[in-house]
Protein backbone atom coordinates (compact mmCIF):
# COMPACT_ATOMS: atom_id res chain seq x y z
CA MET A 1 -0.05 0.16 -0.18
CA ASN A 2 2.71 2.68 0.79
CA LYS A 3 4.36 1.75 -2.51
CA GLN A 4 1.28 2.62 -4.23
CA ILE A 5 0.92 5.85 -2.13
CA ALA A 6 4.58 6.80 -2.94
CA GLN A 7 3.76 5.95 -6.89
CA SER A 8 1.10 8.83 -6.50
CA ILE A 9 3.05 11.29 -4.71
CA ALA A 10 5.88 10.84 -7.09
CA ALA A 11 3.53 11.42 -10.10
CA VAL A 12 2.39 14.83 -8.52
CA LEU A 13 6.14 15.68 -7.84
CA ASN A 14 6.89 14.96 -11.36
CA GLN A 15 9.43 12.28 -10.20
CA GLN A 16 11.53 15.03 -8.06
CA LEU A 17 11.93 12.13 -5.76
CA SER A 18 11.79 8.41 -6.46
CA VAL A 19 9.24 6.09 -5.52
CA ASN A 20 12.07 4.26 -3.14
CA GLU A 21 12.94 7.88 -1.50
CA ILE A 22 8.93 8.70 -0.91
CA GLU A 23 8.26 5.35 0.44
CA GLN A 24 11.20 5.93 2.95
CA LEU A 25 9.79 8.65 4.11
CA LEU A 26 6.05 8.06 4.91
CA GLU A 27 5.14 7.62 8.21
CA LYS A 28 2.40 6.17 10.43
CA PRO A 29 0.72 9.35 12.21
CA ARG A 30 0.40 9.37 15.63
CA THR A 31 -3.12 8.90 16.07
CA ILE A 32 -5.96 7.38 13.82
CA GLU A 33 -7.30 10.53 13.80
CA LEU A 34 -4.96 11.95 12.02
CA GLY A 35 -4.80 9.23 8.87
CA ASP A 36 -3.49 6.18 7.99
CA VAL A 37 -0.15 7.60 6.24
CA ALA A 38 1.73 10.94 6.74
CA PHE A 39 3.98 12.29 4.07
CA PRO A 40 6.32 15.01 5.55
CA CYS A 41 7.16 17.83 3.22
CA PHE A 42 10.31 19.08 5.19
CA THR A 43 12.71 17.54 2.71
CA LEU A 44 11.19 19.40 -0.24
CA ALA A 45 11.59 23.05 1.36
CA LYS A 46 14.94 23.94 0.13
CA THR A 47 14.08 22.68 -3.57
CA TRP A 48 11.05 24.04 -3.64
CA LYS A 49 12.08 27.01 -1.70
CA LYS A 50 8.68 27.09 -0.01
CA SER A 51 7.36 26.51 3.66
CA PRO A 52 6.59 22.99 4.44
CA VAL A 53 3.14 23.86 5.06
CA SER A 54 2.42 25.47 1.59
CA ILE A 55 3.89 22.44 0.00
CA ALA A 56 1.61 20.13 2.10
CA THR A 57 -1.29 22.16 1.36
CA GLU A 58 -0.44 22.25 -2.41
CA LEU A 59 0.25 18.69 -2.61
CA ALA A 60 -2.61 18.03 -0.82
CA SER A 61 -4.78 19.58 -3.39
CA GLN A 62 -3.71 17.45 -6.13
CA LEU A 63 -3.07 13.84 -4.42
CA THR A 64 -5.58 11.51 -5.81
CA SER A 65 -5.74 7.59 -5.90
CA ASP A 66 -8.48 5.04 -6.14
CA SER A 67 -7.02 3.62 -2.56
CA ILE A 68 -7.30 7.18 -1.28
CA GLN A 69 -10.46 8.27 0.53
CA ARG A 70 -9.51 11.67 1.35
CA VAL A 71 -6.35 14.05 2.11
CA GLN A 72 -5.65 16.80 4.07
CA SER A 73 -2.68 19.05 5.26
CA VAL A 74 -1.71 19.78 8.85
CA GLY A 75 1.61 21.52 9.84
CA GLY A 76 3.88 20.67 6.81
CA TYR A 77 2.43 16.80 6.55
CA VAL A 78 -0.03 15.65 3.80
CA ASN A 79 -2.24 13.22 5.93
CA ILE A 80 -3.83 10.48 3.59
CA PHE A 81 -6.95 8.56 4.88
CA LEU A 82 -7.18 5.53 2.93
CA ASN A 83 -10.49 4.24 1.22
CA GLN A 84 -11.11 1.44 3.68
CA GLN A 85 -13.67 -0.69 1.51
CA LYS A 86 -11.16 -0.85 -1.05
CA VAL A 87 -7.96 -1.73 0.78
CA THR A 88 -10.03 -4.38 3.02
CA GLN A 89 -10.98 -6.02 -0.37
CA GLN A 90 -7.58 -5.60 -1.79
CA VAL A 91 -5.55 -6.76 1.33
CA LEU A 92 -7.63 -9.85 2.26
CA SER A 93 -8.74 -11.27 -1.36
CA LYS A 94 -4.89 -11.27 -1.59
CA ILE A 95 -4.06 -13.20 1.40
CA LEU A 96 -7.21 -15.65 0.61
CA HIS A 97 -5.74 -16.34 -2.94
CA GLU A 98 -2.09 -16.59 -1.81
CA LYS A 99 -2.67 -18.42 1.56
CA GLN A 100 0.88 -19.50 3.28
CA LEU A 101 2.44 -17.69 -0.20
CA TYR A 102 1.51 -14.16 1.28
CA GLY A 103 4.46 -12.27 1.88
CA THR A 104 6.95 -14.66 -0.09
CA ASN A 105 9.39 -13.30 -2.71
CA GLN A 106 9.04 -15.47 -5.41
CA SER A 107 12.21 -14.61 -7.19
CA SER A 108 15.34 -16.89 -6.46
CA LYS A 109 17.90 -14.78 -4.87
CA GLY A 110 21.00 -17.48 -4.83
CA SER A 111 21.73 -19.14 -1.33
CA VAL A 112 22.39 -17.99 1.87
CA VAL A 113 24.83 -20.00 4.47
CA LEU A 114 24.06 -19.53 8.08
CA ASP A 115 26.44 -20.84 10.63
CA PHE A 116 24.49 -21.44 14.04
CA SER A 117 23.79 -23.37 16.98
CA SER A 118 27.42 -25.11 17.26
CA PRO A 119 27.20 -26.59 20.59
CA ASN A 120 30.51 -27.78 21.78
CA ILE A 121 31.43 -31.53 21.77
CA ALA A 122 31.33 -33.55 25.25
CA LYS A 123 29.44 -30.51 26.91
CA PRO A 124 25.74 -30.48 27.40
CA PHE A 125 23.28 -28.34 25.36
CA SER A 126 22.72 -25.84 27.72
CA MET A 127 19.99 -22.89 27.53
CA GLY A 128 23.19 -20.64 26.48
CA HIS A 129 22.92 -22.52 23.36
CA LEU A 130 19.42 -22.10 22.72
CA ARG A 131 19.99 -18.28 21.42
CA SER A 132 21.97 -19.38 18.33
CA THR A 133 19.83 -22.28 17.56
CA VAL A 134 16.68 -20.54 17.61
CA ILE A 135 17.81 -17.10 16.00
CA GLY A 136 19.67 -18.98 13.23
CA ASN A 137 17.01 -21.40 12.51
CA ALA A 138 14.32 -18.40 12.41
CA LEU A 139 17.02 -16.46 9.94
CA ALA A 140 17.03 -19.08 7.65
CA ASN A 141 13.42 -19.61 7.57
CA ILE A 142 13.07 -15.85 6.74
CA ALA A 143 15.74 -16.22 4.17
CA GLU A 144 13.63 -18.75 2.41
CA LYS A 145 10.59 -16.47 2.38
CA ASN A 146 12.88 -13.90 0.82
CA GLY A 147 13.72 -16.22 -1.94
CA TYR A 148 16.89 -17.45 -0.76
CA GLN A 149 17.95 -21.00 -0.57
CA ALA A 150 18.89 -21.40 3.00
CA ILE A 151 21.92 -23.73 3.64
CA ARG A 152 22.14 -24.64 7.44
CA VAL A 153 25.32 -25.48 8.74
CA ASN A 154 26.24 -26.71 12.35
CA HIS A 155 29.69 -25.53 12.79
CA LEU A 156 30.22 -27.91 15.73
CA GLY A 157 32.82 -27.13 18.46
CA ASP A 158 34.68 -30.55 17.85
CA TRP A 159 38.41 -29.12 18.14
CA GLY A 160 40.23 -26.97 20.04
CA THR A 161 42.33 -26.84 23.13
CA GLN A 162 39.28 -28.02 25.38
CA PHE A 163 39.84 -31.35 23.96
CA GLY A 164 43.26 -31.70 25.18
CA LYS A 165 41.53 -30.77 28.78
CA LEU A 166 39.14 -33.12 28.34
CA ILE A 167 41.70 -36.06 27.39
CA VAL A 168 43.99 -35.11 30.29
CA ALA A 169 40.67 -35.08 32.35
CA TYR A 170 39.79 -38.64 31.21
CA GLN A 171 43.08 -40.12 31.57
CA ARG A 172 43.14 -39.14 35.44
CA TRP A 173 39.48 -39.42 36.33
CA GLY A 174 37.34 -40.83 33.63
CA ASN A 175 35.38 -44.16 33.97
CA LYS A 176 34.59 -45.95 30.65
CA GLU A 177 31.45 -47.51 32.18
CA ALA A 178 30.06 -44.55 33.65
CA ILE A 179 30.46 -42.32 30.41
CA THR A 180 29.00 -45.19 28.58
CA ALA A 181 26.16 -45.19 30.98
CA SER A 182 25.55 -41.64 30.92
CA PRO A 183 27.96 -39.78 28.46
CA ILE A 184 27.41 -36.06 28.69
CA GLU A 185 26.71 -35.94 32.41
CA GLU A 186 29.78 -37.80 32.94
CA LEU A 187 32.11 -35.84 30.59
CA LEU A 188 30.85 -32.49 31.79
CA LYS A 189 31.56 -33.69 35.60
CA ILE A 190 35.41 -34.42 34.64
CA TYR A 191 35.95 -31.32 32.55
CA VAL A 192 34.67 -29.23 35.46
CA LYS A 193 37.00 -31.35 37.90
CA PHE A 194 39.80 -30.35 35.49
CA HIS A 195 39.27 -26.75 35.86
CA GLU A 196 39.07 -26.90 39.43
CA GLU A 197 42.43 -28.78 40.00
CA ALA A 198 43.95 -26.56 37.26
CA GLU A 199 43.33 -23.55 39.53
CA GLN A 200 45.69 -25.48 42.31
CA ASP A 201 47.82 -27.09 39.64
CA PRO A 202 48.45 -25.00 36.56
CA ALA A 203 50.77 -27.67 35.06
CA LEU A 204 47.45 -29.23 34.10
CA ASN A 205 47.17 -26.62 31.55
CA GLU A 206 50.34 -27.42 29.78
CA LEU A 207 49.57 -31.15 29.69
CA ALA A 208 46.28 -30.18 27.95
CA ARG A 209 48.09 -27.93 25.40
CA ALA A 210 50.68 -30.81 25.01
CA ALA A 211 47.34 -33.60 24.68
CA PHE A 212 45.64 -31.16 21.89
CA LYS A 213 48.93 -30.90 19.97
CA ALA A 214 49.33 -34.64 19.95
CA LEU A 215 45.63 -34.79 18.66
CA GLU A 216 46.32 -32.34 15.97
CA ASP A 217 49.30 -34.67 14.74
CA GLY A 218 47.30 -37.72 14.58
CA ASP A 219 48.17 -39.54 17.68
CA ALA A 220 45.88 -42.83 17.59
CA GLU A 221 44.80 -42.77 21.26
CA ALA A 222 44.01 -39.21 21.37
CA LEU A 223 42.18 -39.68 17.99
CA ALA A 224 40.09 -42.56 19.46
CA LEU A 225 39.11 -40.52 22.45
CA TRP A 226 37.83 -37.57 20.53
CA GLN A 227 35.87 -39.49 17.93
CA TRP A 228 34.02 -41.38 21.25
CA PHE A 229 33.38 -38.16 22.59
CA ARG A 230 31.94 -36.89 19.41
CA ASP A 231 29.71 -39.72 18.51
CA VAL A 232 28.01 -39.80 22.06
CA SER A 233 27.56 -35.90 22.09
CA LEU A 234 25.53 -36.06 18.39
CA VAL A 235 23.23 -38.65 19.60
CA GLU A 236 22.23 -36.35 22.26
CA PHE A 237 22.44 -33.13 20.45
CA GLN A 238 20.00 -34.80 17.98
CA THR A 239 17.44 -35.84 20.43
CA ILE A 240 17.29 -31.92 21.34
CA TYR A 241 17.21 -30.56 17.36
CA GLN A 242 14.32 -33.00 16.72
CA LEU A 243 12.30 -31.91 19.54
CA LEU A 244 12.92 -28.28 18.36
CA GLY A 245 12.08 -29.30 14.86
CA ILE A 246 15.51 -28.12 13.41
CA ASP A 247 17.45 -29.72 10.59
CA PHE A 248 20.58 -28.98 9.45
CA ASP A 249 22.25 -29.60 5.85
CA ALA A 250 25.80 -30.03 7.13
CA PHE A 251 27.53 -30.70 10.65
CA THR A 252 30.75 -29.64 9.39
CA GLY A 253 32.47 -28.69 12.66
CA GLU A 254 35.84 -27.37 13.19
CA ALA A 255 37.58 -30.95 12.80
CA PHE A 256 36.35 -30.83 9.11
CA TYR A 257 38.81 -28.16 8.37
CA ASN A 258 41.69 -29.69 9.55
CA ASP A 259 43.10 -30.39 6.30
CA LYS A 260 41.95 -27.31 4.60
CA MET A 261 44.15 -24.78 6.96
CA THR A 262 47.68 -25.30 5.30
CA SER A 263 46.38 -23.77 1.86
CA VAL A 264 45.00 -20.62 3.76
CA VAL A 265 48.38 -20.31 5.77
CA THR A 266 50.73 -20.45 2.72
CA GLU A 267 48.09 -18.19 0.79
CA LEU A 268 48.58 -15.47 3.49
CA LYS A 269 52.74 -16.12 3.68
CA THR A 270 52.57 -15.83 -0.11
CA LYS A 271 50.69 -12.33 -0.19
CA GLY A 272 52.95 -11.20 2.54
CA LEU A 273 50.15 -11.08 5.24
CA LEU A 274 51.66 -13.44 7.88
CA VAL A 275 54.12 -11.72 10.49
CA GLU A 276 56.09 -13.65 12.97
CA SER A 277 55.41 -12.24 16.53
CA ASP A 278 57.36 -13.92 19.40
CA GLY A 279 57.41 -17.40 17.62
CA ALA A 280 53.68 -17.21 16.79
CA TYR A 281 52.31 -16.16 13.38
CA VAL A 282 49.90 -12.85 13.01
CA VAL A 283 48.06 -10.93 10.64
CA GLU A 284 48.09 -7.12 11.29
CA MET A 285 44.89 -5.51 11.81
CA GLU A 286 43.77 -1.66 11.22
CA GLU A 287 42.46 -0.27 14.59
CA MET A 288 42.71 -3.76 16.39
CA PRO A 289 44.81 -6.15 17.89
CA PRO A 290 46.57 -8.71 15.49
CA CYS A 291 44.88 -11.72 14.01
CA LEU A 292 46.57 -14.88 15.59
CA ILE A 293 46.98 -17.40 13.05
CA THR A 294 49.44 -20.00 14.36
CA LYS A 295 50.64 -20.51 18.08
CA THR A 296 54.18 -20.81 18.95
CA ASP A 297 53.89 -24.72 19.00
CA GLY A 298 52.65 -24.53 15.32
CA ALA A 299 49.00 -25.27 16.78
CA THR A 300 46.04 -23.61 15.03
CA LEU A 301 43.42 -21.61 16.44
CA TYR A 302 39.83 -20.22 16.09
CA ALA A 303 40.75 -18.13 13.15
CA THR A 304 42.73 -20.38 11.20
CA ARG A 305 39.83 -22.67 11.15
CA ASP A 306 37.40 -20.09 10.67
CA LEU A 307 39.16 -19.01 7.70
CA ALA A 308 39.39 -22.31 6.13
CA ALA A 309 35.44 -22.65 6.66
CA ALA A 310 35.12 -19.45 4.84
CA PHE A 311 36.73 -20.30 1.79
CA TYR A 312 35.49 -23.96 1.89
CA ARG A 313 31.73 -22.19 1.84
CA GLN A 314 32.45 -19.60 -0.71
CA GLN A 315 33.84 -22.41 -3.16
CA HIS A 316 31.25 -25.05 -2.02
CA TYR A 317 28.22 -23.25 -2.05
CA GLN A 318 28.95 -20.21 -3.69
CA PRO A 319 26.58 -17.72 -1.41
CA GLU A 320 25.33 -14.30 -1.78
CA LYS A 321 25.79 -14.21 2.18
CA ILE A 322 27.37 -15.95 4.90
CA PHE A 323 25.54 -15.37 8.30
CA TYR A 324 27.65 -16.09 11.37
CA VAL A 325 25.09 -16.52 14.23
CA VAL A 326 27.60 -16.18 17.46
CA GLY A 327 27.31 -14.36 20.59
CA ASN A 328 28.50 -10.98 21.09
CA GLU A 329 31.64 -11.86 23.04
CA GLN A 330 33.11 -13.21 19.43
CA SER A 331 32.52 -9.68 17.71
CA LEU A 332 36.31 -8.89 17.78
CA HIS A 333 37.03 -12.37 16.32
CA PHE A 334 34.65 -11.97 13.35
CA LYS A 335 35.95 -8.33 12.56
CA GLN A 336 39.52 -9.70 12.44
CA LEU A 337 38.39 -12.61 10.22
CA PHE A 338 36.48 -10.63 8.11
CA GLN A 339 39.49 -8.20 7.64
CA VAL A 340 42.05 -10.67 6.78
CA ILE A 341 39.90 -12.06 3.99
CA GLU A 342 39.45 -8.59 2.70
CA LYS A 343 43.45 -8.03 2.92
CA MET A 344 43.46 -11.19 1.15
CA GLY A 345 42.19 -9.40 -1.76
CA TYR A 346 38.62 -11.19 -1.65
CA ALA A 347 35.94 -8.75 -2.57
CA TRP A 348 33.11 -11.47 -0.93
CA ALA A 349 34.42 -10.33 2.43
CA ALA A 350 31.85 -7.80 2.24
CA ASP A 351 29.20 -10.63 2.25
CA LEU A 352 30.29 -12.02 5.46
CA GLN A 353 28.04 -11.02 8.53
CA HIS A 354 28.45 -11.60 12.08
CA VAL A 355 24.89 -11.68 13.64
CA PRO A 356 25.59 -11.13 17.25
CA PHE A 357 23.23 -11.55 20.30
CA GLY A 358 23.09 -11.13 23.99
CA MET A 359 23.57 -13.82 26.79
CA MET A 360 20.89 -16.30 28.65
CA LEU A 361 21.36 -15.14 32.22
CA LYS A 362 20.61 -17.16 35.03
CA ASP A 363 20.15 -14.91 38.24
CA GLY A 364 21.65 -11.95 36.35
CA LYS A 365 25.04 -13.81 35.71
CA LYS A 366 26.32 -15.69 32.49
CA MET A 367 26.06 -19.57 32.83
CA SER A 368 29.20 -21.12 32.63
CA THR A 369 30.19 -24.97 31.55
CA ARG A 370 33.64 -24.84 33.24
CA LYS A 371 32.09 -23.83 36.49
CA GLY A 372 29.07 -26.33 36.33
CA LYS A 373 26.65 -23.59 36.18
CA VAL A 374 24.19 -24.41 33.73
CA VAL A 375 20.71 -24.69 33.13
CA LEU A 376 20.36 -27.83 30.45
CA LEU A 377 17.94 -27.02 27.37
CA ALA A 378 16.65 -30.70 27.61
CA ASP A 379 15.35 -30.01 31.19
CA VAL A 380 13.58 -26.82 30.23
CA LEU A 381 11.91 -28.24 27.47
CA GLU A 382 10.80 -31.14 29.66
CA GLU A 383 9.54 -28.92 31.98
CA ALA A 384 7.70 -26.72 29.61
CA ILE A 385 5.92 -29.49 27.89
CA ALA A 386 4.99 -30.68 31.26
CA THR A 387 3.67 -27.47 32.37
CA ALA A 388 1.58 -26.97 29.17
CA LYS A 389 0.29 -30.57 29.58
CA ARG A 390 -0.90 -29.42 33.37
CA ASN A 391 -2.66 -26.29 31.48
CA ILE A 392 -4.34 -28.53 29.03
CA GLU A 393 -5.50 -30.88 31.69
CA GLU A 394 -6.84 -27.96 33.81
CA LYS A 395 -8.81 -26.18 30.88
CA ASN A 396 -9.51 -28.68 28.22
CA PRO A 397 -8.96 -32.24 29.73
CA ARG A 398 -11.04 -33.98 26.65
CA LEU A 399 -8.55 -32.32 24.26
CA PRO A 400 -7.48 -35.03 21.61
CA ASN A 401 -3.69 -35.37 20.93
CA LYS A 402 -2.87 -33.74 24.49
CA GLU A 403 0.63 -34.84 24.25
CA GLN A 404 1.61 -33.83 20.95
CA ILE A 405 -0.08 -30.54 21.56
CA ALA A 406 1.42 -30.05 25.02
CA GLN A 407 4.87 -30.71 23.28
CA GLN A 408 4.14 -27.98 20.41
CA VAL A 409 3.17 -25.44 23.03
CA GLY A 410 5.79 -26.31 25.52
CA VAL A 411 8.63 -26.16 23.02
CA GLY A 412 7.21 -23.10 21.30
CA ALA A 413 6.92 -21.25 24.45
CA VAL A 414 10.69 -21.83 24.86
CA ILE A 415 11.52 -20.65 21.55
CA PHE A 416 9.07 -17.62 21.30
CA ASN A 417 10.75 -16.37 24.53
CA ASP A 418 13.84 -16.15 23.16
CA LEU A 419 12.88 -14.70 19.72
CA LYS A 420 10.69 -11.86 21.18
CA TYR A 421 13.22 -9.92 22.16
CA HIS A 422 15.92 -8.38 19.95
CA ARG A 423 18.76 -10.49 19.84
CA LEU A 424 21.19 -7.88 20.94
CA ASN A 425 19.50 -8.14 24.46
CA ASP A 426 20.64 -10.20 27.16
CA ILE A 427 17.81 -12.42 28.52
CA GLU A 428 16.99 -13.45 32.15
CA PHE A 429 16.22 -17.06 32.10
CA SER A 430 12.61 -17.76 33.82
CA ILE A 431 10.50 -20.80 33.01
CA GLU A 432 7.51 -19.01 34.87
CA GLN A 433 7.61 -16.09 32.37
CA MET A 434 8.02 -18.06 29.08
CA MET A 435 5.03 -20.37 30.10
CA ASN A 436 2.37 -17.29 30.77
CA PHE A 437 -0.64 -18.25 28.64
CA GLU A 438 -1.79 -14.50 29.32
CA GLY A 439 1.17 -12.47 28.41
CA GLU A 440 3.37 -11.60 25.66
CA THR A 441 4.19 -15.65 24.83
CA GLY A 442 4.20 -18.05 22.41
CA PRO A 443 1.30 -19.82 23.87
CA TYR A 444 -0.89 -16.88 23.53
CA VAL A 445 -0.45 -16.51 20.24
CA GLN A 446 -0.61 -20.17 19.53
CA TYR A 447 -3.98 -20.02 21.40
CA THR A 448 -5.20 -17.12 19.08
CA TYR A 449 -4.58 -19.14 16.26
CA ALA A 450 -6.18 -22.15 17.59
CA ARG A 451 -9.45 -20.05 18.53
CA ILE A 452 -9.96 -18.90 15.04
CA CYS A 453 -9.71 -22.46 13.83
CA SER A 454 -12.42 -23.51 16.18
CA ILE A 455 -14.60 -20.70 14.79
CA LEU A 456 -13.81 -21.57 11.23
CA GLU A 457 -14.68 -25.47 12.09
CA LYS A 458 -18.00 -24.48 12.66
CA VAL A 459 -18.80 -23.26 9.14
CA GLU A 460 -19.39 -25.37 6.12
CA ASN A 461 -16.82 -24.04 3.19
CA PRO A 462 -16.57 -20.59 4.32
CA SER A 463 -16.44 -18.68 1.08
CA GLN A 464 -13.07 -17.50 -0.24
CA HIS A 465 -14.72 -14.94 -2.76
CA VAL A 466 -16.23 -12.49 -0.53
CA THR A 467 -17.53 -8.92 -1.45
CA PHE A 468 -16.52 -7.19 1.60
CA MET A 469 -19.16 -5.54 3.62
CA PRO A 470 -17.76 -2.78 6.68
CA LEU A 471 -16.60 -4.54 9.31
CA GLY A 472 -16.17 -1.63 11.86
CA GLU A 473 -13.57 0.47 13.43
CA GLN A 474 -11.74 -2.46 15.20
CA ALA A 475 -10.99 -4.10 11.97
CA TRP A 476 -9.30 -1.50 10.38
CA PRO A 477 -6.17 -1.60 12.41
CA ILE A 478 -5.99 -5.56 11.63
CA ILE A 479 -6.10 -4.65 7.99
CA LEU A 480 -3.60 -2.34 7.83
CA LEU A 481 -1.32 -4.61 10.13
CA LEU A 482 -2.14 -7.53 7.49
CA GLU A 483 -0.92 -5.36 4.92
CA GLN A 484 2.25 -4.57 6.26
CA PHE A 485 3.38 -8.25 6.94
CA PRO A 486 5.14 -8.47 3.73
CA LYS A 487 7.18 -5.55 4.09
CA VAL A 488 7.88 -6.99 7.99
CA VAL A 489 9.33 -10.26 6.45
CA ALA A 490 11.79 -8.29 4.21
CA THR A 491 12.92 -6.13 6.82
CA ALA A 492 13.32 -8.78 9.45
CA PHE A 493 15.82 -10.60 7.25
CA GLU A 494 17.57 -7.09 5.78
CA GLN A 495 18.01 -6.56 9.78
CA ALA A 496 18.68 -9.93 10.53
CA ASP A 497 15.84 -9.62 13.45
CA PRO A 498 13.22 -12.35 14.04
CA SER A 499 11.92 -10.21 16.84
CA GLN A 500 10.08 -7.98 14.63
CA LEU A 501 7.99 -11.14 13.59
CA ALA A 502 7.24 -12.33 17.22
CA LYS A 503 6.32 -8.55 17.93
CA PHE A 504 3.97 -8.78 14.99
CA ALA A 505 2.35 -11.89 15.88
CA LEU A 506 1.73 -10.27 19.31
CA GLN A 507 0.12 -7.28 18.00
CA LEU A 508 -1.79 -9.07 15.50
CA ALA A 509 -3.10 -11.48 17.78
CA ARG A 510 -4.01 -8.97 20.47
CA LEU A 511 -5.92 -6.88 17.93
CA LEU A 512 -8.00 -9.96 16.66
CA ASN A 513 -8.80 -10.71 20.43
CA LYS A 514 -9.86 -7.18 20.66
CA TYR A 515 -12.19 -7.29 17.73
CA TYR A 516 -13.40 -10.97 18.70
CA ALA A 517 -14.53 -9.37 22.07
CA GLN A 518 -16.63 -6.68 20.51
CA HIS A 519 -17.94 -8.56 17.61
CA LYS A 520 -19.80 -11.78 17.38
CA ILE A 521 -18.45 -13.63 14.31
CA LEU A 522 -21.14 -16.20 13.82
CA THR A 523 -24.29 -14.15 13.35
CA ASP A 524 -25.96 -15.69 10.08
CA ASP A 525 -26.17 -12.12 8.65
CA ALA A 526 -24.97 -10.10 5.46
CA GLN A 527 -21.52 -9.57 7.64
CA GLN A 528 -20.78 -12.98 8.80
CA ALA A 529 -19.04 -13.83 5.36
CA SER A 530 -16.47 -10.78 5.65
CA ARG A 531 -16.00 -11.40 9.59
CA LEU A 532 -14.97 -15.08 8.68
CA ALA A 533 -12.73 -13.90 5.72
CA LEU A 534 -11.28 -11.74 8.17
CA CYS A 535 -10.31 -14.31 10.39
CA SER A 536 -9.34 -16.51 8.20
CA CYS A 537 -6.78 -14.33 6.81
CA VAL A 538 -5.49 -13.83 10.52
CA ALA A 539 -5.23 -17.31 10.95
CA ILE A 540 -3.00 -17.70 7.91
CA VAL A 541 -0.72 -15.07 8.79
CA LEU A 542 -0.30 -16.14 12.03
CA LYS A 543 0.34 -19.72 11.14
CA GLU A 544 2.94 -18.27 8.70
CA LEU A 545 4.49 -16.12 11.53
CA LEU A 546 5.09 -18.78 13.96
CA ALA A 547 6.46 -21.31 11.47
CA LEU A 548 9.00 -18.43 10.33
CA LEU A 549 9.81 -18.52 13.62
CA GLY A 550 10.12 -22.46 14.06
CA ILE A 551 7.17 -22.76 15.96
CA GLU A 552 4.02 -25.27 15.22
CA SER A 553 0.80 -24.06 15.47
CA PRO A 554 -2.23 -26.25 16.92
CA GLU A 555 -5.49 -26.08 15.65
CA ASN A 556 -6.75 -27.20 19.22
CA MET A 557 -5.51 -26.01 22.82
């Protein structure tokens, strides 16, 4: 709708501003009494050498369009009141026709690689890993909605000094039978013990570094232990991913790039970028500390492996973009990584984007695996599902498929609670808050969708072809919001911000519930078909919003 208005304004202005420029200037008035769309004339004042007020008056007198009811000028603004009947017909007809394709960019835009989740092998899948996992999955879904092929890559933390620590810990305190019986729990126990002991005996850290160097050099015993740790961890991770409904195209972790680093280091040397520093090798950075490529003992680092990964992905997938959905604390690392690739002369460095996010806090503090202070995601999901089941038993005990719906609601609550916040914000973990069925939560949006489904079930073959009757003042904000859905989908991708869709879903659910409270839907009168069409369109968009966030939409709750 904004594009149509921008085109009408551009025609009156004789193209002195482009349609895109005008569209960027359009605003939503502070109150509904000031119209549906406003165009500020202040940017034209210098060009026209007139006051914004006189420009607005002149523009308002000439602006016409099929979708515009009336226009008025107020204090340098052109306030536009849309033709509610025509816009309603246009928006609802489009949604009813396109259904789940509404808001989809049909043109192919190539591929986008998304590096997300990336839990560490031999450590439990904690609430701290949830953020990268659900933000990355939502961005992948949003990318596909915007016309891209999304390639989901799980860059497992399956290499590095931590494995030297774990190997030493296992050799000193490990019990094979106990680990076989309860792998992650026991591996975490000896990993925590290593850090506790290392505080008293720093020599353990040297042994760990030596153990990792042996692993890198292909020591048979070290490799066998590493493979065992990796295999048992992946079994547990897959259980979590299955519950979250998340699939990956590749589990190419850090170890995958072991044989791909030499060529990168060689190229850095050849191009004169590698500099010796106290026995280590670095790439000098602009306005940043040097990027460490190899340590004094020749061992590689995160940067070396991430460089190899970037080159592999570029050659293998040829993506338009690569998103790294990794926490705020790695911001310097990615700035260094991208600058190294730029210094190597590759223009595609500009297509690499770090998507940072804040921490998941417990009692105001960061969760720490090495100190054993973690909240396990599996435990949270189990508790959320149990809470959802108790709610169902209390409010709708005869509901069919209670187990399945409890899982959809419980898991959806956990995902939505993360994604409703802007990703840069820290989140305080609270199972009570995420499971609140009355507040700004996933269950609230799911319940609104289920409520609409229960209404539509009572009508035999509701018409998809409606000549819309006036729906009342409370329906108009819903129409305007539905019309904005494609734009919000595009903006969420441009800004790598799934929270825009979560907030949109909450707003749409609130407006529908407010309308439902003031209007009876099933009345068997001339307006019933229009009201049912409105409800159908809200259901279509709510279900698509939840799907983009990675959440299922039960039709009964």
